[in-house]
Amino acid sequence: MTHDRSVFFVSDNTGITAESIGHLLAHFPTVKLRQLRFPFIDTLDKLQVAIDRIKEASVEDGVRPIVVMTLVKPEFRAKLKQVDAMFLDLFGTFIDPLASELGLEPSQGVGITHGAASQGYNNRIDAINFSLGHDDGMTNSGLEEAEVILVGVSRCGKTPTSLYLAMQFGIKAANYPLIPEDFDRMRLPAVLENYPEKLYGLSISPERLHSVRSERRPNSFYASLDNCRDEVAKAEDLMKRAGVTWIDSTHRSIEELATVILQKIRVPIRQYG
């Protein structure tokens, strides 16, 4: 695959934070990037492997690479920066200035942001298990623990949004599909009427829904455009009657949907860790 430039993600842990910073590169869609990952750089020997590969990429590409780095140890950062590259350095850009402003030495522990020992990590694991267990109306047991319950027609984005809320923010999110039986009664499933303050709806354009469902069950009534139009219209009418706030997911990313939902449910500030 041809590319214009190489981008390296160098980290002493998983590299998730480095890759999150790397999302800034999406603002330059015309540039073809080759992404190379070097996680768990916890020895000088491993660091040297990354350095050698960065130097090779510079020769291959004819332009200096971009290096997104989240290395805790100052000596590792200093050694890496001896290479001719453009650096996006989490610690140099953010942590060090914060330390100066606060008059404190930052913790040198590796993996603090995503540490398995943190309460935030445990919150996320609990929330993921909860969301998986309460996907697609799988069970009503423990529903009172849910912080948000997403409703909408099948395949409108409820499951990925629920899991994103759980994985990123430790939010216990359940989701329920609205089905023809609900439309016949024009009422929400009875169990949901006990939690009106937790409900949030997702909708979607019939055309997009038709496309998504056709990938799963092509040439079926379930996926037909007429049926999709009918279900979406009835679902929006039902949610309006029930006083459920809803948002169109058609042109919104999961991140955008999650942000809107978080504003709605106003969960208390917690350690996401």
C-alpha atoms as a PDB file:
ATOM      1  CA  MET A   1       0.000   0.000   0.000  1.00  0.00           C
ATOM      2  CA  THR A   2       1.456   3.346  -1.032  1.00  0.00           C
ATOM      3  CA  HIS A   3       1.705   6.119   1.525  1.00  0.00           C
ATOM      4  CA  ASP A   4       2.984   9.669   1.840  1.00  0.00           C
ATOM      5  CA  ARG A   5       4.276   9.503   5.381  1.00  0.00           C
ATOM      6  CA  SER A   6       4.821   7.133   8.305  1.00  0.00           C
ATOM      7  CA  VAL A   7       3.310   7.699  11.724  1.00  0.00           C
ATOM      8  CA  PHE A   8       4.711   5.904  14.762  1.00  0.00           C
ATOM      9  CA  PHE A   9       2.853   5.373  18.036  1.00  0.00           C
ATOM     10  CA  VAL A  10       5.459   4.761  20.734  1.00  0.00           C
ATOM     11  CA  SER A  11       4.354   3.981  24.274  1.00  0.00           C
ATOM     12  CA  ASP A  12       5.564   2.270  27.437  1.00  0.00           C
ATOM     13  CA  ASN A  13       2.102   0.756  27.870  1.00  0.00           C
ATOM     14  CA  THR A  14      -0.708  -0.184  25.476  1.00  0.00           C
ATOM     15  CA  GLY A  15      -0.428   2.887  23.261  1.00  0.00           C
ATOM     16  CA  ILE A  16      -4.162   3.605  23.478  1.00  0.00           C
ATOM     17  CA  THR A  17      -3.577   7.186  24.619  1.00  0.00           C
ATOM     18  CA  ALA A  18      -1.013   7.746  21.854  1.00  0.00           C
ATOM     19  CA  GLU A  19      -3.451   6.487  19.249  1.00  0.00           C
ATOM     20  CA  SER A  20      -6.152   8.762  20.666  1.00  0.00           C
ATOM     21  CA  ILE A  21      -3.842  11.729  20.125  1.00  0.00           C
ATOM     22  CA  GLY A  22      -3.166  10.372  16.643  1.00  0.00           C
ATOM     23  CA  HIS A  23      -6.838  10.835  15.786  1.00  0.00           C
ATOM     24  CA  LEU A  24      -5.909  14.481  15.171  1.00  0.00           C
ATOM     25  CA  LEU A  25      -4.443  13.300  11.877  1.00  0.00           C
ATOM     26  CA  ALA A  26      -7.979  12.668  10.621  1.00  0.00           C
ATOM     27  CA  HIS A  27      -8.106  16.421   9.957  1.00  0.00           C
ATOM     28  CA  PHE A  28      -5.730  15.809   7.041  1.00  0.00           C
ATOM     29  CA  PRO A  29      -7.623  13.239   4.936  1.00  0.00           C
ATOM     30  CA  THR A  30      -5.643  13.886   1.757  1.00  0.00           C
ATOM     31  CA  VAL A  31      -2.427  12.560   3.323  1.00  0.00           C
ATOM     32  CA  LYS A  32      -1.882   8.796   3.019  1.00  0.00           C
ATOM     33  CA  LEU A  33      -0.428   7.614   6.295  1.00  0.00           C
ATOM     34  CA  ARG A  34       1.268   4.356   7.227  1.00  0.00           C
ATOM     35  CA  GLN A  35       0.734   3.679  10.917  1.00  0.00           C
ATOM     36  CA  LEU A  36       3.244   1.646  12.930  1.00  0.00           C
ATOM     37  CA  ARG A  37       2.774   0.766  16.598  1.00  0.00           C
ATOM     38  CA  PHE A  38       5.430   0.164  19.231  1.00  0.00           C
ATOM     39  CA  PRO A  39       3.692  -0.500  22.570  1.00  0.00           C
ATOM     40  CA  PHE A  40       5.260  -1.720  25.841  1.00  0.00           C
ATOM     41  CA  ILE A  41       8.584   0.054  25.319  1.00  0.00           C
ATOM     42  CA  ASP A  42       9.949  -0.646  28.803  1.00  0.00           C
ATOM     43  CA  THR A  43      13.638  -1.293  28.037  1.00  0.00           C
ATOM     44  CA  LEU A  44      16.328   0.584  26.136  1.00  0.00           C
ATOM     45  CA  ASP A  45      16.699  -2.374  23.782  1.00  0.00           C
ATOM     46  CA  LYS A  46      13.024  -2.145  22.789  1.00  0.00           C
ATOM     47  CA  LEU A  47      13.354   1.601  22.405  1.00  0.00           C
ATOM     48  CA  GLN A  48      16.327   1.130  20.082  1.00  0.00           C
ATOM     49  CA  VAL A  49      14.241  -1.160  17.843  1.00  0.00           C
ATOM     50  CA  ALA A  50      11.668   1.633  17.502  1.00  0.00           C
ATOM     51  CA  ILE A  51      14.388   4.202  16.825  1.00  0.00           C
ATOM     52  CA  ASP A  52      15.952   2.065  14.088  1.00  0.00           C
ATOM     53  CA  ARG A  53      12.577   1.582  12.411  1.00  0.00           C
ATOM     54  CA  ILE A  54      11.848   5.320  12.533  1.00  0.00           C
ATOM     55  CA  LYS A  55      15.191   6.035  10.864  1.00  0.00           C
ATOM     56  CA  GLU A  56      14.451   3.452   8.154  1.00  0.00           C
ATOM     57  CA  ALA A  57      11.040   5.018   7.488  1.00  0.00           C
ATOM     58  CA  SER A  58      12.653   8.427   7.087  1.00  0.00           C
ATOM     59  CA  VAL A  59      14.883   7.050   4.316  1.00  0.00           C
ATOM     60  CA  GLU A  60      12.057   5.064   2.677  1.00  0.00           C
ATOM     61  CA  ASP A  61       9.595   7.978   2.668  1.00  0.00           C
ATOM     62  CA  GLY A  62      12.063  10.750   1.913  1.00  0.00           C
ATOM     63  CA  VAL A  63      10.480  12.854   4.653  1.00  0.00           C
ATOM     64  CA  ARG A  64      10.763  12.739   8.415  1.00  0.00           C
ATOM     65  CA  PRO A  65       8.155  10.574  10.166  1.00  0.00           C
ATOM     66  CA  ILE A  66       5.602  11.715  12.717  1.00  0.00           C
ATOM     67  CA  VAL A  67       6.036  10.167  16.171  1.00  0.00           C
ATOM     68  CA  VAL A  68       3.225  10.217  18.709  1.00  0.00           C
ATOM     69  CA  MET A  69       4.782   9.283  22.046  1.00  0.00           C
ATOM     70  CA  THR A  70       3.508   8.569  25.542  1.00  0.00           C
ATOM     71  CA  LEU A  71       6.691   7.602  27.353  1.00  0.00           C
ATOM     72  CA  VAL A  72       6.908   8.234  31.089  1.00  0.00           C
ATOM     73  CA  LYS A  73      10.681   7.987  31.601  1.00  0.00           C
ATOM     74  CA  PRO A  74      12.440  11.286  30.734  1.00  0.00           C
ATOM     75  CA  GLU A  75      15.578   9.435  29.609  1.00  0.00           C
ATOM     76  CA  PHE A  76      13.539   7.398  27.110  1.00  0.00           C
ATOM     77  CA  ARG A  77      11.922  10.533  25.733  1.00  0.00           C
ATOM     78  CA  ALA A  78      15.263  12.309  25.447  1.00  0.00           C
ATOM     79  CA  LYS A  79      16.849   9.382  23.590  1.00  0.00           C
ATOM     80  CA  LEU A  80      13.930   9.048  21.182  1.00  0.00           C
ATOM     81  CA  LYS A  81      13.970  12.775  20.412  1.00  0.00           C
ATOM     82  CA  GLN A  82      17.508  12.480  19.085  1.00  0.00           C
ATOM     83  CA  VAL A  83      15.912  11.070  15.941  1.00  0.00           C
ATOM     84  CA  ASP A  84      14.931  13.447  13.147  1.00  0.00           C
ATOM     85  CA  ALA A  85      11.134  13.311  13.377  1.00  0.00           C
ATOM     86  CA  MET A  86       8.113  15.461  14.141  1.00  0.00           C
ATOM     87  CA  PHE A  87       7.063  14.640  17.734  1.00  0.00           C
ATOM     88  CA  LEU A  88       3.696  14.809  19.436  1.00  0.00           C
ATOM     89  CA  ASP A  89       4.721  14.250  23.045  1.00  0.00           C
ATOM     90  CA  LEU A  90       1.971  13.833  25.651  1.00  0.00           C
ATOM     91  CA  PHE A  91       4.277  14.446  28.600  1.00  0.00           C
ATOM     92  CA  GLY A  92       6.257  17.281  27.069  1.00  0.00           C
ATOM     93  CA  THR A  93       3.150  19.085  25.842  1.00  0.00           C
ATOM     94  CA  PHE A  94       0.736  18.501  28.712  1.00  0.00           C
ATOM     95  CA  ILE A  95       2.111  16.722  31.797  1.00  0.00           C
ATOM     96  CA  ASP A  96       5.315  18.728  32.251  1.00  0.00           C
ATOM     97  CA  PRO A  97       3.571  22.149  32.021  1.00  0.00           C
ATOM     98  CA  LEU A  98       0.933  20.909  34.471  1.00  0.00           C
ATOM     99  CA  ALA A  99       3.649  19.789  36.873  1.00  0.00           C
ATOM    100  CA  SER A 100       5.244  23.228  36.657  1.00  0.00           C
ATOM    101  CA  GLU A 101       1.953  24.995  37.262  1.00  0.00           C
ATOM    102  CA  LEU A 102       0.975  22.741  40.181  1.00  0.00           C
ATOM    103  CA  GLY A 103       4.445  22.708  41.693  1.00  0.00           C
ATOM    104  CA  LEU A 104       4.352  18.918  41.855  1.00  0.00           C
ATOM    105  CA  GLU A 105       6.291  16.042  40.389  1.00  0.00           C
ATOM    106  CA  PRO A 106       4.076  13.879  38.138  1.00  0.00           C
ATOM    107  CA  SER A 107       3.798  10.206  38.980  1.00  0.00           C
ATOM    108  CA  GLN A 108       6.247   8.082  37.026  1.00  0.00           C
ATOM    109  CA  GLY A 109       4.000   5.012  37.041  1.00  0.00           C
ATOM    110  CA  VAL A 110       3.382   3.360  33.694  1.00  0.00           C
ATOM    111  CA  GLY A 111      -0.198   2.873  32.547  1.00  0.00           C
ATOM    112  CA  ILE A 112      -1.768   5.317  34.992  1.00  0.00           C
ATOM    113  CA  THR A 113      -4.367   6.501  32.504  1.00  0.00           C
ATOM    114  CA  HIS A 114      -5.605   2.986  31.824  1.00  0.00           C
ATOM    115  CA  GLY A 115      -4.345   1.287  34.974  1.00  0.00           C
ATOM    116  CA  ALA A 116      -5.964  -2.030  35.866  1.00  0.00           C
ATOM    117  CA  ALA A 117      -5.733  -1.157  39.556  1.00  0.00           C
ATOM    118  CA  SER A 118      -7.714   2.065  39.270  1.00  0.00           C
ATOM    119  CA  GLN A 119     -11.312   2.437  40.370  1.00  0.00           C
ATOM    120  CA  GLY A 120     -12.122   3.842  36.946  1.00  0.00           C
ATOM    121  CA  TYR A 121     -10.914   0.644  35.311  1.00  0.00           C
ATOM    122  CA  ASN A 122     -13.065  -1.475  37.619  1.00  0.00           C
ATOM    123  CA  ASN A 123     -16.048   0.765  36.882  1.00  0.00           C
ATOM    124  CA  ARG A 124     -15.590   0.201  33.165  1.00  0.00           C
ATOM    125  CA  ILE A 125     -15.317  -3.573  33.520  1.00  0.00           C
ATOM    126  CA  ASP A 126     -18.506  -3.684  35.613  1.00  0.00           C
ATOM    127  CA  ALA A 127     -20.287  -1.446  33.110  1.00  0.00           C
ATOM    128  CA  ILE A 128     -19.191  -3.554  30.121  1.00  0.00           C
ATOM    129  CA  ASN A 129     -20.460  -6.733  31.786  1.00  0.00           C
ATOM    130  CA  PHE A 130     -23.732  -4.986  32.613  1.00  0.00           C
ATOM    131  CA  SER A 131     -24.220  -3.649  29.082  1.00  0.00           C
ATOM    132  CA  LEU A 132     -23.451  -7.007  27.484  1.00  0.00           C
ATOM    133  CA  GLY A 133     -25.922  -8.687  29.829  1.00  0.00           C
ATOM    134  CA  HIS A 134     -28.632  -6.118  29.098  1.00  0.00           C
ATOM    135  CA  ASP A 135     -28.181  -5.913  25.339  1.00  0.00           C
ATOM    136  CA  ASP A 136     -31.271  -5.989  23.138  1.00  0.00           C
ATOM    137  CA  GLY A 137     -33.652  -6.479  26.077  1.00  0.00           C
ATOM    138  CA  MET A 138     -31.900  -9.735  27.009  1.00  0.00           C
ATOM    139  CA  THR A 139     -33.035  -9.508  30.640  1.00  0.00           C
ATOM    140  CA  ASN A 140     -34.984  -7.252  32.980  1.00  0.00           C
ATOM    141  CA  SER A 141     -33.046  -8.419  36.030  1.00  0.00           C
ATOM    142  CA  GLY A 142     -30.995  -5.648  37.580  1.00  0.00           C
ATOM    143  CA  LEU A 143     -32.421  -3.027  35.243  1.00  0.00           C
ATOM    144  CA  GLU A 144     -32.741  -0.644  38.177  1.00  0.00           C
ATOM    145  CA  GLU A 145     -28.927  -0.370  38.126  1.00  0.00           C
ATOM    146  CA  ALA A 146     -28.918   1.056  34.608  1.00  0.00           C
ATOM    147  CA  GLU A 147     -27.864   4.684  34.277  1.00  0.00           C
ATOM    148  CA  VAL A 148     -29.337   4.958  30.814  1.00  0.00           C
ATOM    149  CA  ILE A 149     -31.654   2.727  28.768  1.00  0.00           C
ATOM    150  CA  LEU A 150     -31.476   3.239  25.012  1.00  0.00           C
ATOM    151  CA  VAL A 151     -34.531   2.471  22.894  1.00  0.00           C
ATOM    152  CA  GLY A 152     -35.103   2.414  19.155  1.00  0.00           C
ATOM    153  CA  VAL A 153     -35.738   0.130  16.205  1.00  0.00           C
ATOM    154  CA  SER A 154     -33.461  -2.817  15.554  1.00  0.00           C
ATOM    155  CA  ARG A 155     -30.080  -1.865  14.026  1.00  0.00           C
ATOM    156  CA  CYS A 156     -30.223   1.861  14.745  1.00  0.00           C
ATOM    157  CA  GLY A 157     -26.989   1.862  16.772  1.00  0.00           C
ATOM    158  CA  LYS A 158     -28.117   1.021  20.300  1.00  0.00           C
ATOM    159  CA  THR A 159     -25.627  -1.768  21.008  1.00  0.00           C
ATOM    160  CA  PRO A 160     -22.405  -0.022  19.894  1.00  0.00           C
ATOM    161  CA  THR A 161     -23.470   3.173  21.694  1.00  0.00           C
ATOM    162  CA  SER A 162     -24.213   1.248  24.890  1.00  0.00           C
ATOM    163  CA  LEU A 163     -20.837  -0.472  24.786  1.00  0.00           C
ATOM    164  CA  TYR A 164     -19.003   2.768  24.037  1.00  0.00           C
ATOM    165  CA  LEU A 165     -20.614   4.404  27.076  1.00  0.00           C
ATOM    166  CA  ALA A 166     -19.542   1.440  29.182  1.00  0.00           C
ATOM    167  CA  MET A 167     -16.005   1.142  27.844  1.00  0.00           C
ATOM    168  CA  GLN A 168     -15.137   4.835  27.819  1.00  0.00           C
ATOM    169  CA  PHE A 169     -17.078   6.193  30.776  1.00  0.00           C
ATOM    170  CA  GLY A 170     -18.074   3.270  32.964  1.00  0.00           C
ATOM    171  CA  ILE A 171     -21.765   3.968  32.305  1.00  0.00           C
ATOM    172  CA  LYS A 172     -24.123   1.048  32.874  1.00  0.00           C
ATOM    173  CA  ALA A 173     -26.196   1.228  29.705  1.00  0.00           C
ATOM    174  CA  ALA A 174     -28.999  -1.148  28.754  1.00  0.00           C
ATOM    175  CA  ASN A 175     -30.850  -1.128  25.442  1.00  0.00           C
ATOM    176  CA  TYR A 176     -34.250  -2.317  24.241  1.00  0.00           C
ATOM    177  CA  PRO A 177     -35.499  -2.731  20.681  1.00  0.00           C
ATOM    178  CA  LEU A 178     -38.860  -1.294  19.706  1.00  0.00           C
ATOM    179  CA  ILE A 179     -40.717  -4.040  17.849  1.00  0.00           C
ATOM    180  CA  PRO A 180     -44.022  -4.390  15.909  1.00  0.00           C
ATOM    181  CA  GLU A 181     -45.878  -5.463  19.059  1.00  0.00           C
ATOM    182  CA  ASP A 182     -44.926  -2.149  20.683  1.00  0.00           C
ATOM    183  CA  PHE A 183     -46.150  -0.269  17.616  1.00  0.00           C
ATOM    184  CA  ASP A 184     -49.470  -2.133  17.656  1.00  0.00           C
ATOM    185  CA  ARG A 185     -50.045  -0.990  21.245  1.00  0.00           C
ATOM    186  CA  MET A 186     -48.283   2.337  20.680  1.00  0.00           C
ATOM    187  CA  ARG A 187     -46.709   1.969  24.105  1.00  0.00           C
ATOM    188  CA  LEU A 188     -43.242   1.264  25.368  1.00  0.00           C
ATOM    189  CA  PRO A 189     -42.493  -2.208  26.748  1.00  0.00           C
ATOM    190  CA  ALA A 190     -44.150  -2.327  30.166  1.00  0.00           C
ATOM    191  CA  VAL A 191     -40.900  -2.789  32.069  1.00  0.00           C
ATOM    192  CA  LEU A 192     -39.494   0.454  30.667  1.00  0.00           C
ATOM    193  CA  GLU A 193     -42.391   2.510  31.968  1.00  0.00           C
ATOM    194  CA  ASN A 194     -40.835   2.133  35.429  1.00  0.00           C
ATOM    195  CA  TYR A 195     -37.738   4.064  34.378  1.00  0.00           C
ATOM    196  CA  PRO A 196     -38.852   7.126  32.382  1.00  0.00           C
ATOM    197  CA  GLU A 197     -35.948   9.272  33.620  1.00  0.00           C
ATOM    198  CA  LYS A 198     -33.405   6.756  32.264  1.00  0.00           C
ATOM    199  CA  LEU A 199     -34.791   6.430  28.746  1.00  0.00           C
ATOM    200  CA  TYR A 200     -33.113   7.897  25.688  1.00  0.00           C
ATOM    201  CA  GLY A 201     -34.087   7.132  22.121  1.00  0.00           C
ATOM    202  CA  LEU A 202     -32.112   6.612  18.932  1.00  0.00           C
ATOM    203  CA  SER A 203     -33.607   6.971  15.480  1.00  0.00           C
ATOM    204  CA  ILE A 204     -32.166   6.597  12.008  1.00  0.00           C
ATOM    205  CA  SER A 205     -33.097   7.425   8.438  1.00  0.00           C
ATOM    206  CA  PRO A 206     -35.106   4.665   6.719  1.00  0.00           C
ATOM    207  CA  GLU A 207     -32.617   4.576   3.864  1.00  0.00           C
ATOM    208  CA  ARG A 208     -29.666   4.010   6.186  1.00  0.00           C
ATOM    209  CA  LEU A 209     -31.617   1.427   8.165  1.00  0.00           C
ATOM    210  CA  HIS A 210     -32.489  -0.402   4.938  1.00  0.00           C
ATOM    211  CA  SER A 211     -28.797  -0.501   4.025  1.00  0.00           C
ATOM    212  CA  VAL A 212     -27.701  -1.799   7.434  1.00  0.00           C
ATOM    213  CA  ARG A 213     -30.415  -4.448   7.663  1.00  0.00           C
ATOM    214  CA  SER A 214     -29.801  -5.609   4.088  1.00  0.00           C
ATOM    215  CA  GLU A 215     -26.242  -6.553   5.048  1.00  0.00           C
ATOM    216  CA  ARG A 216     -27.629  -8.849   7.709  1.00  0.00           C
ATOM    217  CA  ARG A 217     -30.791 -10.169   6.084  1.00  0.00           C
ATOM    218  CA  PRO A 218     -30.845  -9.257   2.366  1.00  0.00           C
ATOM    219  CA  ASN A 219     -34.105  -9.385   0.408  1.00  0.00           C
ATOM    220  CA  SER A 220     -36.192  -9.811   3.560  1.00  0.00           C
ATOM    221  CA  PHE A 221     -39.301  -7.960   4.657  1.00  0.00           C
ATOM    222  CA  TYR A 222     -37.351  -6.962   7.779  1.00  0.00           C
ATOM    223  CA  ALA A 223     -34.831  -5.109   5.612  1.00  0.00           C
ATOM    224  CA  SER A 224     -37.221  -3.752   2.984  1.00  0.00           C
ATOM    225  CA  LEU A 225     -37.278  -0.003   2.562  1.00  0.00           C
ATOM    226  CA  ASP A 226     -41.056   0.178   3.024  1.00  0.00           C
ATOM    227  CA  ASN A 227     -40.840  -1.685   6.329  1.00  0.00           C
ATOM    228  CA  CYS A 228     -37.933   0.466   7.487  1.00  0.00           C
ATOM    229  CA  ARG A 229     -39.916   3.617   6.717  1.00  0.00           C
ATOM    230  CA  ASP A 230     -42.915   2.257   8.601  1.00  0.00           C
ATOM    231  CA  GLU A 231     -40.909   1.205  11.676  1.00  0.00           C
ATOM    232  CA  VAL A 232     -38.939   4.446  11.930  1.00  0.00           C
ATOM    233  CA  ALA A 233     -42.084   6.587  11.642  1.00  0.00           C
ATOM    234  CA  LYS A 234     -43.925   4.539  14.259  1.00  0.00           C
ATOM    235  CA  ALA A 235     -40.925   4.452  16.606  1.00  0.00           C
ATOM    236  CA  GLU A 236     -40.538   8.229  16.490  1.00  0.00           C
ATOM    237  CA  ASP A 237     -44.281   8.671  17.071  1.00  0.00           C
ATOM    238  CA  LEU A 238     -44.186   6.234  19.994  1.00  0.00           C
ATOM    239  CA  MET A 239     -41.202   7.964  21.618  1.00  0.00           C
ATOM    240  CA  LYS A 240     -42.861  11.350  21.170  1.00  0.00           C
ATOM    241  CA  ARG A 241     -46.037  10.123  22.839  1.00  0.00           C
ATOM    242  CA  ALA A 242     -44.045   8.570  25.702  1.00  0.00           C
ATOM    243  CA  GLY A 243     -42.042  11.758  26.251  1.00  0.00           C
ATOM    244  CA  VAL A 244     -38.734  10.075  25.376  1.00  0.00           C
ATOM    245  CA  THR A 245     -36.022  12.386  24.061  1.00  0.00           C
ATOM    246  CA  TRP A 246     -34.404  10.936  20.964  1.00  0.00           C
ATOM    247  CA  ILE A 247     -31.626  11.727  18.510  1.00  0.00           C
ATOM    248  CA  ASP A 248     -31.035  10.758  14.887  1.00  0.00           C
ATOM    249  CA  SER A 249     -27.967   8.519  14.641  1.00  0.00           C
ATOM    250  CA  THR A 250     -27.738   8.547  10.827  1.00  0.00           C
ATOM    251  CA  HIS A 251     -24.892  11.027  10.432  1.00  0.00           C
ATOM    252  CA  ARG A 252     -23.498  11.003  13.964  1.00  0.00           C
ATOM    253  CA  SER A 253     -20.532   9.060  15.258  1.00  0.00           C
ATOM    254  CA  ILE A 254     -20.765   6.932  18.391  1.00  0.00           C
ATOM    255  CA  GLU A 255     -18.640   9.551  20.155  1.00  0.00           C
ATOM    256  CA  GLU A 256     -21.146  12.278  19.277  1.00  0.00           C
ATOM    257  CA  LEU A 257     -24.104  10.160  20.369  1.00  0.00           C
ATOM    258  CA  ALA A 258     -22.415   9.331  23.676  1.00  0.00           C
ATOM    259  CA  THR A 259     -21.669  12.998  24.356  1.00  0.00           C
ATOM    260  CA  VAL A 260     -25.282  14.022  23.765  1.00  0.00           C
ATOM    261  CA  ILE A 261     -26.541  11.183  25.963  1.00  0.00           C
ATOM    262  CA  LEU A 262     -24.118  12.044  28.784  1.00  0.00           C
ATOM    263  CA  GLN A 263     -25.410  15.612  28.765  1.00  0.00           C
ATOM    264  CA  LYS A 264     -28.956  14.316  29.014  1.00  0.00           C
ATOM    265  CA  ILE A 265     -28.479  11.846  31.852  1.00  0.00           C
ATOM    266  CA  ARG A 266     -26.072  14.118  33.771  1.00  0.00           C
ATOM    267  CA  VAL A 267     -24.196  11.366  35.549  1.00  0.00           C
ATOM    268  CA  PRO A 268     -22.104  12.503  38.527  1.00  0.00           C
ATOM    269  CA  ILE A 269     -18.415  13.164  37.878  1.00  0.00           C
ATOM    270  CA  ARG A 270     -16.386  10.021  38.519  1.00  0.00           C
ATOM    271  CA  GLN A 271     -12.881   8.773  38.016  1.00  0.00           C
ATOM    272  CA  TYR A 272     -12.751   7.331  34.520  1.00  0.00           C
ATOM    273  CA  GLY A 273      -9.123   6.269  34.965  1.00  0.00           C
END
